[in-house]
Amino acid sequence: MTTSESIEISGTNEVSEQPDLIIVDDDEIFCGVLARAMAKRGFNVHTTHTIDEALAQAETVSPEYAIVDLKLASESGLVMVEKLKALDPGTRIVMLTGYASIATAVEAIKLGATHYLAKPVDADEIMAAFERTDGDTDTPISANPLSVNRLEWEYIHRILAENDNNISVTARILNMHRRTLQRKLAKKPHRE
């Protein structure tokens, strides 16, 4: 799938009655697979791989729904959430990430995301997330505390978020060498 490609369900170029969905993910293969799955569920899908492409597409189509990856090459998907909400407060946004952390989940929701899902995720989970409008009081509370590695990951990401993702400032605050911090950030946390 090429950059900013739209998937037409009906096979015509007429104005679609289907809701517009924009998918912003720099993994082109995942993006293409997800686009086809969401098109089968009734969306007029537009895919992009950078924030600039996504903003240009969003200004053109004004999507009702968006799926945004947290880590877009060197950019943060949190920026895209904020910009989509500024364009249209009614856009329902699901943030996806392979690097889930409490800090980024909280920020995504504060910025206007409807839901936050950790990869791997399937189209049905995303559909359910789009439909959720309230919190779930029945969500189970884990009996196991977070591991030390996971606590470190969460703490680093909270400090990083508080400093606008500035690695140098975060390294100074954590009293850590910048390269050490970059290595820690490159590692995925253990799933709990």
C-alpha atoms as a PDB file:
ATOM      1  CA  MET A   1       0.000   0.000   0.000  1.00  0.00           C
ATOM      2  CA  THR A   2       1.383   3.371  -0.913  1.00  0.00           C
ATOM      3  CA  THR A   3       1.446   6.496   1.193  1.00  0.00           C
ATOM      4  CA  SER A   4      -1.930   8.182   1.630  1.00  0.00           C
ATOM      5  CA  GLU A   5      -3.745   5.482  -0.313  1.00  0.00           C
ATOM      6  CA  SER A   6      -7.475   5.123   0.169  1.00  0.00           C
ATOM      7  CA  ILE A   7      -9.295   1.821   0.046  1.00  0.00           C
ATOM      8  CA  GLU A   8     -12.555   2.044  -1.844  1.00  0.00           C
ATOM      9  CA  ILE A   9     -15.112  -0.561  -0.818  1.00  0.00           C
ATOM     10  CA  SER A  10     -17.711   0.114  -3.495  1.00  0.00           C
ATOM     11  CA  GLY A  11     -15.223   0.263  -6.352  1.00  0.00           C
ATOM     12  CA  THR A  12     -16.578   3.629  -7.543  1.00  0.00           C
ATOM     13  CA  ASN A  13     -15.326   7.157  -7.099  1.00  0.00           C
ATOM     14  CA  GLU A  14     -18.678   8.437  -5.822  1.00  0.00           C
ATOM     15  CA  VAL A  15     -18.947  10.115  -2.436  1.00  0.00           C
ATOM     16  CA  SER A  16     -19.094   7.346   0.130  1.00  0.00           C
ATOM     17  CA  GLU A  17     -21.705   7.049   2.869  1.00  0.00           C
ATOM     18  CA  GLN A  18     -19.183   5.050   4.865  1.00  0.00           C
ATOM     19  CA  PRO A  19     -17.431   6.755   7.766  1.00  0.00           C
ATOM     20  CA  ASP A  20     -13.881   7.928   7.022  1.00  0.00           C
ATOM     21  CA  LEU A  21     -11.075   6.292   8.986  1.00  0.00           C
ATOM     22  CA  ILE A  22      -7.469   7.432   8.892  1.00  0.00           C
ATOM     23  CA  ILE A  23      -4.729   4.999   9.919  1.00  0.00           C
ATOM     24  CA  VAL A  24      -1.374   6.531  10.865  1.00  0.00           C
ATOM     25  CA  ASP A  25       1.355   3.907  11.252  1.00  0.00           C
ATOM     26  CA  ASP A  26       4.903   3.813   9.884  1.00  0.00           C
ATOM     27  CA  ASP A  27       4.784  -0.003   9.547  1.00  0.00           C
ATOM     28  CA  GLU A  28       3.472  -0.137   5.976  1.00  0.00           C
ATOM     29  CA  ILE A  29       2.706  -3.880   6.022  1.00  0.00           C
ATOM     30  CA  PHE A  30       0.744  -3.696   9.289  1.00  0.00           C
ATOM     31  CA  CYS A  31      -0.990  -0.551   8.027  1.00  0.00           C
ATOM     32  CA  GLY A  32      -2.073  -2.289   4.809  1.00  0.00           C
ATOM     33  CA  VAL A  33      -3.370  -5.384   6.585  1.00  0.00           C
ATOM     34  CA  LEU A  34      -5.276  -3.279   9.117  1.00  0.00           C
ATOM     35  CA  ALA A  35      -6.654  -1.042   6.351  1.00  0.00           C
ATOM     36  CA  ARG A  36      -8.116  -4.032   4.508  1.00  0.00           C
ATOM     37  CA  ALA A  37      -9.611  -5.429   7.725  1.00  0.00           C
ATOM     38  CA  MET A  38     -11.215  -2.102   8.608  1.00  0.00           C
ATOM     39  CA  ALA A  39     -12.511  -1.625   5.056  1.00  0.00           C
ATOM     40  CA  LYS A  40     -14.303  -4.987   5.398  1.00  0.00           C
ATOM     41  CA  ARG A  41     -15.959  -3.557   8.516  1.00  0.00           C
ATOM     42  CA  GLY A  42     -17.479  -0.690   6.573  1.00  0.00           C
ATOM     43  CA  PHE A  43     -14.964   2.144   6.689  1.00  0.00           C
ATOM     44  CA  ASN A  44     -13.629   4.323   3.891  1.00  0.00           C
ATOM     45  CA  VAL A  45      -9.968   3.893   4.888  1.00  0.00           C
ATOM     46  CA  HIS A  46      -7.098   6.332   4.308  1.00  0.00           C
ATOM     47  CA  THR A  47      -3.569   5.288   5.287  1.00  0.00           C
ATOM     48  CA  THR A  48      -0.572   7.501   6.028  1.00  0.00           C
ATOM     49  CA  HIS A  49       2.822   6.895   7.549  1.00  0.00           C
ATOM     50  CA  THR A  50       3.888  10.284   8.960  1.00  0.00           C
ATOM     51  CA  ILE A  51       2.242  13.056  10.944  1.00  0.00           C
ATOM     52  CA  ASP A  52       2.561  15.544   8.068  1.00  0.00           C
ATOM     53  CA  GLU A  53       0.851  13.143   5.616  1.00  0.00           C
ATOM     54  CA  ALA A  54      -1.835  12.362   8.170  1.00  0.00           C
ATOM     55  CA  LEU A  55      -2.590  16.030   8.849  1.00  0.00           C
ATOM     56  CA  ALA A  56      -2.896  16.790   5.141  1.00  0.00           C
ATOM     57  CA  GLN A  57      -5.229  13.797   4.745  1.00  0.00           C
ATOM     58  CA  ALA A  58      -7.271  14.740   7.843  1.00  0.00           C
ATOM     59  CA  GLU A  59      -7.791  18.274   6.584  1.00  0.00           C
ATOM     60  CA  THR A  60      -9.079  16.862   3.283  1.00  0.00           C
ATOM     61  CA  VAL A  61     -11.382  14.087   4.529  1.00  0.00           C
ATOM     62  CA  SER A  62     -12.231  15.120   8.135  1.00  0.00           C
ATOM     63  CA  PRO A  63     -12.249  11.540   9.474  1.00  0.00           C
ATOM     64  CA  GLU A  64     -14.816  10.358  11.991  1.00  0.00           C
ATOM     65  CA  TYR A  65     -12.333   7.725  13.223  1.00  0.00           C
ATOM     66  CA  ALA A  66      -8.554   7.450  13.527  1.00  0.00           C
ATOM     67  CA  ILE A  67      -6.066   4.770  14.491  1.00  0.00           C
ATOM     68  CA  VAL A  68      -2.703   6.267  15.452  1.00  0.00           C
ATOM     69  CA  ASP A  69       0.507   4.444  16.316  1.00  0.00           C
ATOM     70  CA  LEU A  70       2.362   5.918  19.294  1.00  0.00           C
ATOM     71  CA  LYS A  71       5.829   5.643  17.749  1.00  0.00           C
ATOM     72  CA  LEU A  72       6.027   7.002  14.205  1.00  0.00           C
ATOM     73  CA  ALA A  73       9.720   6.763  13.244  1.00  0.00           C
ATOM     74  CA  SER A  74      11.177   9.734  15.133  1.00  0.00           C
ATOM     75  CA  GLU A  75       7.782  11.328  15.837  1.00  0.00           C
ATOM     76  CA  SER A  76       5.288  10.804  18.645  1.00  0.00           C
ATOM     77  CA  GLY A  77       1.746   9.786  17.766  1.00  0.00           C
ATOM     78  CA  LEU A  78       0.622  11.840  20.779  1.00  0.00           C
ATOM     79  CA  VAL A  79       1.190  14.927  18.616  1.00  0.00           C
ATOM     80  CA  MET A  80      -1.195  13.481  16.031  1.00  0.00           C
ATOM     81  CA  VAL A  81      -3.890  12.823  18.653  1.00  0.00           C
ATOM     82  CA  GLU A  82      -3.724  16.433  19.783  1.00  0.00           C
ATOM     83  CA  LYS A  83      -3.844  17.781  16.218  1.00  0.00           C
ATOM     84  CA  LEU A  84      -6.726  15.517  15.163  1.00  0.00           C
ATOM     85  CA  LYS A  85      -8.748  16.656  18.171  1.00  0.00           C
ATOM     86  CA  ALA A  86      -8.004  20.294  17.327  1.00  0.00           C
ATOM     87  CA  LEU A  87      -9.290  19.733  13.768  1.00  0.00           C
ATOM     88  CA  ASP A  88     -12.434  17.900  14.907  1.00  0.00           C
ATOM     89  CA  PRO A  89     -13.211  17.255  18.604  1.00  0.00           C
ATOM     90  CA  GLY A  90     -15.675  14.528  17.553  1.00  0.00           C
ATOM     91  CA  THR A  91     -13.034  12.277  15.963  1.00  0.00           C
ATOM     92  CA  ARG A  92     -12.852   8.939  17.781  1.00  0.00           C
ATOM     93  CA  ILE A  93      -9.183   7.998  18.129  1.00  0.00           C
ATOM     94  CA  VAL A  94      -7.635   4.700  19.158  1.00  0.00           C
ATOM     95  CA  MET A  95      -3.920   4.829  19.927  1.00  0.00           C
ATOM     96  CA  LEU A  96      -1.878   1.681  19.254  1.00  0.00           C
ATOM     97  CA  THR A  97       1.540   0.929  20.626  1.00  0.00           C
ATOM     98  CA  GLY A  98       4.100  -1.799  20.879  1.00  0.00           C
ATOM     99  CA  TYR A  99       5.718   0.204  23.699  1.00  0.00           C
ATOM    100  CA  ALA A 100       2.863   0.481  26.179  1.00  0.00           C
ATOM    101  CA  SER A 101       3.462   2.531  29.287  1.00  0.00           C
ATOM    102  CA  ILE A 102       1.186   4.076  31.866  1.00  0.00           C
ATOM    103  CA  ALA A 103       2.582   7.562  31.153  1.00  0.00           C
ATOM    104  CA  THR A 104       1.826   7.431  27.422  1.00  0.00           C
ATOM    105  CA  ALA A 105      -1.611   5.891  28.011  1.00  0.00           C
ATOM    106  CA  VAL A 106      -2.535   8.683  30.408  1.00  0.00           C
ATOM    107  CA  GLU A 107      -1.252  11.356  28.008  1.00  0.00           C
ATOM    108  CA  ALA A 108      -3.097   9.819  25.041  1.00  0.00           C
ATOM    109  CA  ILE A 109      -6.398   9.883  26.942  1.00  0.00           C
ATOM    110  CA  LYS A 110      -5.775  13.424  28.235  1.00  0.00           C
ATOM    111  CA  LEU A 111      -5.117  14.582  24.664  1.00  0.00           C
ATOM    112  CA  GLY A 112      -8.385  13.086  23.478  1.00  0.00           C
ATOM    113  CA  ALA A 113      -7.838   9.469  22.461  1.00  0.00           C
ATOM    114  CA  THR A 114     -10.909   7.300  22.954  1.00  0.00           C
ATOM    115  CA  HIS A 115      -8.856   4.254  23.825  1.00  0.00           C
ATOM    116  CA  TYR A 116      -5.271   2.984  24.057  1.00  0.00           C
ATOM    117  CA  LEU A 117      -4.389  -0.560  22.942  1.00  0.00           C
ATOM    118  CA  ALA A 118      -1.109  -2.469  23.122  1.00  0.00           C
ATOM    119  CA  LYS A 119       0.010  -4.356  20.016  1.00  0.00           C
ATOM    120  CA  PRO A 120      -0.548  -7.020  18.881  1.00  0.00           C
ATOM    121  CA  VAL A 121      -4.171  -6.062  18.310  1.00  0.00           C
ATOM    122  CA  ASP A 122      -6.819  -7.128  15.824  1.00  0.00           C
ATOM    123  CA  ALA A 123      -9.541  -5.207  14.009  1.00  0.00           C
ATOM    124  CA  ASP A 124     -12.290  -6.514  16.310  1.00  0.00           C
ATOM    125  CA  GLU A 125     -10.503  -5.130  19.373  1.00  0.00           C
ATOM    126  CA  ILE A 126     -10.193  -1.766  17.639  1.00  0.00           C
ATOM    127  CA  MET A 127     -13.896  -1.817  16.708  1.00  0.00           C
ATOM    128  CA  ALA A 128     -14.782  -2.498  20.358  1.00  0.00           C
ATOM    129  CA  ALA A 129     -12.489   0.347  21.451  1.00  0.00           C
ATOM    130  CA  PHE A 130     -14.224   2.773  19.057  1.00  0.00           C
ATOM    131  CA  GLU A 131     -17.577   1.877  20.637  1.00  0.00           C
ATOM    132  CA  ARG A 132     -16.439   2.419  24.219  1.00  0.00           C
ATOM    133  CA  THR A 133     -17.601   5.740  25.582  1.00  0.00           C
ATOM    134  CA  ASP A 134     -17.296   5.086  29.310  1.00  0.00           C
ATOM    135  CA  GLY A 135     -14.812   3.464  31.641  1.00  0.00           C
ATOM    136  CA  ASP A 136     -15.307  -0.130  32.758  1.00  0.00           C
ATOM    137  CA  THR A 137     -15.598  -0.631  36.529  1.00  0.00           C
ATOM    138  CA  ASP A 138     -15.326  -4.400  35.976  1.00  0.00           C
ATOM    139  CA  THR A 139     -11.765  -4.177  34.651  1.00  0.00           C
ATOM    140  CA  PRO A 140      -9.756  -6.708  36.662  1.00  0.00           C
ATOM    141  CA  ILE A 141      -7.067  -5.467  39.008  1.00  0.00           C
ATOM    142  CA  SER A 142      -3.853  -7.455  38.755  1.00  0.00           C
ATOM    143  CA  ALA A 143      -2.891  -9.344  41.899  1.00  0.00           C
ATOM    144  CA  ASN A 144       0.776  -9.240  40.841  1.00  0.00           C
ATOM    145  CA  PRO A 145       2.816  -6.079  41.336  1.00  0.00           C
ATOM    146  CA  LEU A 146       4.846  -4.740  38.407  1.00  0.00           C
ATOM    147  CA  SER A 147       8.358  -6.142  38.035  1.00  0.00           C
ATOM    148  CA  VAL A 148      11.347  -3.925  38.798  1.00  0.00           C
ATOM    149  CA  ASN A 149      12.129  -3.729  35.061  1.00  0.00           C
ATOM    150  CA  ARG A 150       8.583  -2.643  34.274  1.00  0.00           C
ATOM    151  CA  LEU A 151       8.604  -0.069  37.105  1.00  0.00           C
ATOM    152  CA  GLU A 152      11.839   1.365  35.723  1.00  0.00           C
ATOM    153  CA  TRP A 153      10.301   1.507  32.228  1.00  0.00           C
ATOM    154  CA  GLU A 154       7.217   3.305  33.549  1.00  0.00           C
ATOM    155  CA  TYR A 155       9.268   5.776  35.594  1.00  0.00           C
ATOM    156  CA  ILE A 156      11.574   6.618  32.673  1.00  0.00           C
ATOM    157  CA  HIS A 157       8.596   7.201  30.381  1.00  0.00           C
ATOM    158  CA  ARG A 158       6.824   9.388  32.938  1.00  0.00           C
ATOM    159  CA  ILE A 159       9.916  11.588  33.310  1.00  0.00           C
ATOM    160  CA  LEU A 160      10.373  11.646  29.528  1.00  0.00           C
ATOM    161  CA  ALA A 161       6.745  12.715  29.005  1.00  0.00           C
ATOM    162  CA  GLU A 162       7.057  15.424  31.669  1.00  0.00           C
ATOM    163  CA  ASN A 163      10.007  16.834  29.702  1.00  0.00           C
ATOM    164  CA  ASP A 164       8.351  16.864  26.266  1.00  0.00           C
ATOM    165  CA  ASN A 165      10.282  13.742  25.153  1.00  0.00           C
ATOM    166  CA  ASN A 166      13.617  15.556  25.515  1.00  0.00           C
ATOM    167  CA  ILE A 167      16.154  12.760  26.013  1.00  0.00           C
ATOM    168  CA  SER A 168      19.011  15.007  27.159  1.00  0.00           C
ATOM    169  CA  VAL A 169      16.949  16.673  29.893  1.00  0.00           C
ATOM    170  CA  THR A 170      15.468  13.345  30.966  1.00  0.00           C
ATOM    171  CA  ALA A 171      18.947  11.766  31.190  1.00  0.00           C
ATOM    172  CA  ARG A 172      20.140  14.640  33.397  1.00  0.00           C
ATOM    173  CA  ILE A 173      17.134  14.323  35.701  1.00  0.00           C
ATOM    174  CA  LEU A 174      17.624  10.554  35.971  1.00  0.00           C
ATOM    175  CA  ASN A 175      21.370  11.024  36.525  1.00  0.00           C
ATOM    176  CA  MET A 176      21.974   8.682  33.616  1.00  0.00           C
ATOM    177  CA  HIS A 177      24.221   8.884  30.576  1.00  0.00           C
ATOM    178  CA  ARG A 178      22.247   9.873  27.468  1.00  0.00           C
ATOM    179  CA  ARG A 179      23.326   6.744  25.534  1.00  0.00           C
ATOM    180  CA  THR A 180      22.282   4.501  28.418  1.00  0.00           C
ATOM    181  CA  LEU A 181      18.865   6.130  28.412  1.00  0.00           C
ATOM    182  CA  GLN A 182      18.570   5.692  24.642  1.00  0.00           C
ATOM    183  CA  ARG A 183      19.409   1.965  24.989  1.00  0.00           C
ATOM    184  CA  LYS A 184      16.776   1.562  27.691  1.00  0.00           C
ATOM    185  CA  LEU A 185      14.200   3.359  25.554  1.00  0.00           C
ATOM    186  CA  ALA A 186      14.966   1.107  22.582  1.00  0.00           C
ATOM    187  CA  LYS A 187      14.140  -2.024  24.590  1.00  0.00           C
ATOM    188  CA  LYS A 188      10.553  -3.160  24.792  1.00  0.00           C
ATOM    189  CA  PRO A 189       9.311  -3.712  28.355  1.00  0.00           C
ATOM    190  CA  HIS A 190       8.392  -7.148  29.586  1.00  0.00           C
ATOM    191  CA  ARG A 191       4.665  -7.801  29.452  1.00  0.00           C
ATOM    192  CA  GLU A 192       3.114  -8.181  32.870  1.00  0.00           C
END
